[in-house]
Protein backbone atom coordinates (compact mmCIF):
# COMPACT_ATOMS: atom_id res chain seq x y z
CA UNK A 1 -31.56 -3.54 -34.36
CA UNK A 2 -33.27 -0.06 -33.45
CA UNK A 3 -32.61 1.41 -30.00
CA UNK A 4 -32.34 5.32 -30.76
CA UNK A 5 -31.87 5.59 -26.61
CA UNK A 6 -28.73 3.88 -26.79
CA UNK A 7 -25.38 6.33 -27.05
CA UNK A 8 -22.49 4.34 -25.93
CA UNK A 9 -20.96 1.38 -27.15
CA UNK A 10 -19.89 -1.56 -25.29
CA UNK A 11 -17.36 -4.79 -26.35
CA UNK A 12 -17.23 -7.56 -24.00
CA UNK A 13 -14.72 -10.28 -25.18
CA UNK A 14 -15.56 -14.03 -24.06
CA UNK A 15 -12.74 -16.20 -25.20
CA UNK A 16 -14.95 -19.75 -23.62
CA UNK A 17 -17.44 -18.69 -26.58
CA UNK A 18 -17.72 -18.91 -30.20
CA UNK A 19 -19.69 -14.95 -29.77
CA UNK A 20 -17.74 -11.86 -28.31
CA UNK A 21 -20.51 -9.40 -27.35
CA UNK A 22 -20.12 -5.69 -29.47
CA UNK A 23 -22.86 -3.06 -29.06
CA UNK A 24 -22.17 -0.23 -31.39
CA UNK A 25 -24.66 2.57 -31.58
CA UNK A 26 -24.35 3.82 -35.65
CA UNK A 27 -26.47 7.20 -36.97
CA UNK A 28 -29.44 5.15 -37.51
CA UNK A 29 -29.11 1.81 -35.76
CA UNK A 30 -27.40 -0.18 -33.50
CA UNK A 31 -24.76 -3.08 -34.57
CA UNK A 32 -24.91 -6.15 -32.38
CA UNK A 33 -22.71 -8.93 -32.94
CA UNK A 34 -19.87 -11.12 -33.46
CA UNK A 35 -19.04 -14.32 -34.22
CA UNK A 36 -15.71 -15.66 -33.84
CA UNK A 37 -15.67 -18.96 -35.98
CA UNK A 38 -12.27 -19.70 -37.88
CA UNK A 39 -12.45 -21.21 -41.28
CA UNK A 40 -16.49 -20.58 -41.37
CA UNK A 41 -17.29 -19.57 -44.68
CA UNK A 42 -20.73 -19.71 -44.82
CA UNK A 43 -22.83 -16.23 -46.25
CA UNK A 44 -26.34 -17.30 -44.57
CA UNK A 45 -27.38 -16.21 -41.56
CA UNK A 46 -27.45 -18.86 -39.13
CA UNK A 47 -30.74 -18.71 -36.31
CA UNK A 48 -28.88 -20.32 -34.15
CA UNK A 49 -25.65 -17.62 -34.42
CA UNK A 50 -28.26 -14.50 -34.60
CA UNK A 51 -30.50 -16.42 -31.39
CA UNK A 52 -26.22 -16.42 -29.57
CA UNK A 53 -25.42 -12.58 -30.39
CA UNK A 54 -29.05 -11.34 -29.29
CA UNK A 55 -29.15 -13.57 -25.65
CA UNK A 56 -25.24 -12.53 -24.91
CA UNK A 57 -26.37 -8.64 -25.68
CA UNK A 58 -29.55 -8.57 -23.92
CA UNK A 59 -27.40 -10.09 -20.90
CA UNK A 60 -25.07 -7.02 -20.83
CA UNK A 61 -28.05 -4.51 -22.00
CA UNK A 62 -31.34 -6.24 -21.25
CA UNK A 63 -33.69 -3.66 -22.19
CA UNK A 64 -32.24 -4.55 -26.47
CA UNK A 65 -34.75 -7.45 -25.69
CA UNK A 66 -37.33 -4.46 -26.95
CA UNK A 67 -35.58 -3.57 -29.62
CA UNK A 68 -36.82 -4.65 -33.21
CA UNK A 69 -34.64 -6.44 -35.49
CA UNK A 70 -34.17 -4.04 -38.54
CA UNK A 71 -31.64 -6.25 -40.75
CA UNK A 72 -29.38 -9.96 -40.30
CA UNK A 73 -26.58 -9.98 -41.92
CA UNK A 74 -23.09 -12.10 -42.36
CA UNK A 75 -19.28 -10.48 -43.00
CA UNK A 76 -16.50 -12.33 -43.78
CA UNK A 77 -13.69 -11.01 -42.16
CA UNK A 78 -10.48 -12.59 -42.34
CA UNK A 79 -8.39 -12.56 -39.16
CA UNK A 80 -4.56 -12.85 -38.44
CA UNK A 81 -2.80 -12.82 -35.10
CA UNK A 82 -2.13 -9.21 -35.42
CA UNK A 83 -3.30 -7.24 -37.72
CA UNK A 84 -1.27 -5.94 -41.07
CA UNK A 85 -0.81 -2.34 -40.80
CA UNK A 86 2.38 -1.43 -43.10
CA UNK A 87 3.69 0.10 -45.91
CA UNK A 88 5.32 -2.12 -48.46
CA UNK A 89 7.06 -1.59 -52.07
CA UNK A 90 6.46 -4.62 -54.63
CA UNK A 91 8.19 -5.39 -57.55
CA UNK A 92 6.29 -6.48 -60.35
CA UNK A 93 8.80 -6.85 -63.62
CA UNK A 94 10.00 -4.25 -64.33
CA UNK A 95 7.52 -1.86 -62.28
CA UNK A 96 7.64 -0.82 -58.73
CA UNK A 97 4.14 -0.71 -56.82
CA UNK A 98 3.52 1.13 -53.84
CA UNK A 99 0.83 -0.51 -50.98
CA UNK A 100 -0.39 -0.13 -47.95
CA UNK A 101 -1.38 -3.49 -46.24
CA UNK A 102 -4.40 -3.07 -43.75
CA UNK A 103 -6.45 -6.42 -43.07
CA UNK A 104 -6.61 -9.22 -40.71
CA UNK A 105 -9.18 -7.45 -38.59
CA UNK A 106 -11.22 -10.34 -38.16
CA UNK A 107 -14.31 -9.86 -35.86
CA UNK A 108 -13.17 -6.81 -34.27
CA UNK A 109 -12.93 -4.64 -37.99
CA UNK A 110 -16.09 -2.65 -36.83
CA UNK A 111 -14.21 -1.42 -33.91
CA UNK A 112 -10.59 -1.05 -35.29
CA UNK A 113 -11.44 0.44 -38.82
CA UNK A 114 -11.32 4.16 -37.94
CA UNK A 115 -7.83 3.95 -35.97
CA UNK A 116 -6.63 1.91 -38.52
CA UNK A 117 -7.89 3.83 -41.19
CA UNK A 118 -5.85 6.87 -39.68
CA UNK A 119 -2.69 5.39 -39.50
CA UNK A 120 -3.34 3.92 -42.88
CA UNK A 121 -3.72 7.31 -44.30
CA UNK A 122 -0.29 8.28 -42.46
CA UNK A 123 0.92 5.47 -44.62
CA UNK A 124 0.14 6.38 -47.60
CA UNK A 125 0.98 10.10 -47.32
CA UNK A 126 4.31 8.60 -46.30
CA UNK A 127 4.51 6.14 -49.51
CA UNK A 128 2.99 9.20 -52.02
CA UNK A 129 5.80 12.02 -50.65
CA UNK A 130 8.82 9.61 -51.60
CA UNK A 131 10.63 10.16 -54.87
CA UNK A 132 11.23 6.92 -56.53
CA UNK A 133 10.82 3.73 -55.68
């Protein structure tokens, strides 16, 4: 949505609902969401989900009712019980492959991405500085 007056983010987890309130101001817009729907792989915008998210966000910040919607989007974000963020060395035949796993954030990827990216970068540097497998 367009809400240039909004400067602070807000996250409210509601474990009784299929939706968490996530309000994140970005450089040109404000991100609103998210739904928590395990095993739902539908990539089409659901009008019901859209309204559920908007209603929940407006209960927290009523002024969002006047914010024009700029775009609707759907993102599939696989989730695990805990985020996997670790380095690994895989063997494929006679080759050794250095890997940093960073996945499973689910709907919280927008929130966790900054901190996880910093940690993943540290792990990549550790792997690259290691000599040999």
